[in-house]
Amino acid sequence: MTPELTALTLAALLQAVQFALYAVPANLELGPGYTMSARDREPSKPLSPRTARLGRAMTNHFEGLILFTIAVVVVTLAGQSTAFTAACAWTYLVARVLYVPAYYFGLRPGRSLIWGVGFLATLLMLLAALF
């Protein structure tokens, strides 16, 4: 397995961890009556700010994971895996791991800077595959 595919696999597992980090407190705060429903109505109370941030961080990772997956697939199928693209893949993964606590604790501008590092690493992978 290439380093990029390994990083992608770990990023997918991170998504599962983020789901659990969000789902447990959300279920405790909203109760299973709401969380197991079709959610046709708004919850009777809002999530705590930190639990809501965990949900937004999870959603953000879903969005970032799409572009990162494309980058990994392009690099892998094009046979363009290099030390540079591997470093970019690991940079993306580290940034995503750091992003979760940064978002949870409301670190500004750190959260945005960490996001930017991961996004830039993904873009550089795509560019590297073209050249």
Protein backbone atom coordinates (compact mmCIF):
# COMPACT_ATOMS: atom_id res chain seq x y z
CA MET A 1 0.00 0.00 0.00
CA THR A 2 1.33 3.46 -0.85
CA PRO A 3 1.84 6.01 1.93
CA GLU A 4 -0.98 8.07 0.43
CA LEU A 5 -3.40 5.12 0.65
CA THR A 6 -2.31 4.46 4.22
CA ALA A 7 -2.98 8.09 5.12
CA LEU A 8 -6.37 7.88 3.39
CA THR A 9 -7.28 4.75 5.35
CA LEU A 10 -6.30 6.43 8.61
CA ALA A 11 -8.25 9.56 7.62
CA ALA A 12 -11.33 7.39 7.09
CA LEU A 13 -10.82 5.82 10.51
CA LEU A 14 -10.46 9.33 11.96
CA GLN A 15 -13.88 10.08 10.49
CA ALA A 16 -15.30 7.13 12.43
CA VAL A 17 -13.63 8.38 15.63
CA GLN A 18 -15.07 11.85 15.03
CA PHE A 19 -18.52 10.33 14.60
CA ALA A 20 -18.24 8.63 18.00
CA LEU A 21 -16.84 11.79 19.62
CA TYR A 22 -19.90 13.67 18.40
CA ALA A 23 -22.58 10.99 18.72
CA VAL A 24 -22.00 10.12 22.37
CA PRO A 25 -22.43 13.63 23.82
CA ALA A 26 -25.19 14.46 21.31
CA ASN A 27 -27.15 11.40 22.45
CA LEU A 28 -26.58 12.29 26.10
CA GLU A 29 -27.68 15.89 25.55
CA LEU A 30 -30.66 15.32 23.26
CA GLY A 31 -31.73 11.87 24.42
CA PRO A 32 -32.39 8.78 22.35
CA GLY A 33 -36.00 9.81 21.75
CA TYR A 34 -34.76 12.55 19.45
CA THR A 35 -31.54 11.05 18.11
CA MET A 36 -33.25 7.79 17.09
CA SER A 37 -36.20 9.60 15.51
CA ALA A 38 -36.62 10.74 11.90
CA ARG A 39 -35.79 14.25 13.17
CA ASP A 40 -38.81 15.79 11.50
CA ARG A 41 -38.87 18.43 14.23
CA GLU A 42 -36.17 20.54 15.79
CA PRO A 43 -34.69 19.26 19.07
CA SER A 44 -36.30 20.60 22.23
CA LYS A 45 -32.99 22.11 23.28
CA PRO A 46 -29.80 23.05 21.44
CA LEU A 47 -26.58 21.11 21.70
CA SER A 48 -23.91 22.52 23.97
CA PRO A 49 -21.42 24.72 22.08
CA ARG A 50 -18.62 22.12 22.27
CA THR A 51 -20.82 19.23 21.12
CA ALA A 52 -22.09 21.36 18.24
CA ARG A 53 -18.46 22.13 17.32
CA LEU A 54 -17.69 18.40 17.24
CA GLY A 55 -20.57 17.97 14.80
CA ARG A 56 -19.30 20.78 12.59
CA ALA A 57 -15.75 19.40 12.70
CA MET A 58 -17.08 16.00 11.62
CA THR A 59 -19.04 17.54 8.74
CA ASN A 60 -16.00 19.55 7.72
CA HIS A 61 -13.91 16.39 7.60
CA PHE A 62 -16.50 14.69 5.37
CA GLU A 63 -16.11 17.62 2.98
CA GLY A 64 -12.31 17.65 3.10
CA LEU A 65 -12.11 13.89 2.80
CA ILE A 66 -13.79 14.02 -0.60
CA LEU A 67 -11.06 16.17 -2.16
CA PHE A 68 -8.30 14.30 -0.31
CA THR A 69 -9.67 10.99 -1.59
CA ILE A 70 -9.64 12.34 -5.14
CA ALA A 71 -6.03 13.46 -4.67
CA VAL A 72 -4.97 10.05 -3.35
CA VAL A 73 -6.77 8.19 -6.13
CA VAL A 74 -5.26 10.43 -8.83
CA VAL A 75 -1.74 10.12 -7.40
CA THR A 76 -2.10 6.35 -6.99
CA LEU A 77 -3.68 5.56 -10.37
CA ALA A 78 -1.28 7.86 -12.21
CA GLY A 79 1.67 6.17 -10.56
CA GLN A 80 2.81 9.56 -9.29
CA SER A 81 3.45 8.59 -5.66
CA THR A 82 6.61 10.34 -4.49
CA ALA A 83 8.16 11.36 -1.20
CA PHE A 84 6.54 14.77 -1.76
CA THR A 85 3.01 13.40 -2.26
CA ALA A 86 3.51 11.07 0.72
CA ALA A 87 4.55 14.04 2.86
CA CYS A 88 1.49 15.94 1.67
CA ALA A 89 -0.78 13.02 2.57
CA TRP A 90 0.68 12.74 6.06
CA THR A 91 0.46 16.52 6.46
CA TYR A 92 -3.24 16.36 5.59
CA LEU A 93 -3.81 13.61 8.16
CA VAL A 94 -1.92 15.40 10.93
CA ALA A 95 -3.81 18.61 10.16
CA ARG A 96 -7.14 16.78 10.38
CA VAL A 97 -6.19 15.21 13.71
CA LEU A 98 -5.17 18.61 15.10
CA TYR A 99 -8.29 20.25 13.67
CA VAL A 100 -10.66 18.33 15.96
CA PRO A 101 -9.37 19.68 19.30
CA ALA A 102 -8.73 23.09 17.74
CA TYR A 103 -12.38 23.31 16.73
CA TYR A 104 -13.62 21.77 19.99
CA PHE A 105 -11.79 24.35 22.08
CA GLY A 106 -12.68 27.21 19.71
CA LEU A 107 -9.09 28.12 18.90
CA ARG A 108 -9.00 31.11 16.59
CA PRO A 109 -7.25 31.62 14.22
CA GLY A 110 -5.49 28.29 14.87
CA ARG A 111 -8.40 26.20 13.66
CA SER A 112 -8.51 28.02 10.34
CA LEU A 113 -4.75 27.85 9.91
CA ILE A 114 -4.75 24.11 10.58
CA TRP A 115 -7.57 23.68 8.05
CA GLY A 116 -5.59 25.70 5.51
CA VAL A 117 -2.53 23.46 5.93
CA GLY A 118 -4.59 20.34 5.21
CA PHE A 119 -6.31 21.96 2.24
CA LEU A 120 -2.99 23.17 0.79
CA ALA A 121 -1.46 19.72 1.22
CA THR A 122 -4.35 18.23 -0.76
CA LEU A 123 -4.03 20.81 -3.54
CA LEU A 124 -0.27 20.21 -3.76
CA MET A 125 -0.90 16.49 -4.17
CA LEU A 126 -3.22 17.18 -7.10
CA LEU A 127 -0.72 19.56 -8.70
CA ALA A 128 2.12 17.10 -8.20
CA ALA A 129 0.13 14.44 -10.03
CA LEU A 130 -0.13 16.73 -13.05
CA PHE A 131 3.60 17.38 -13.27
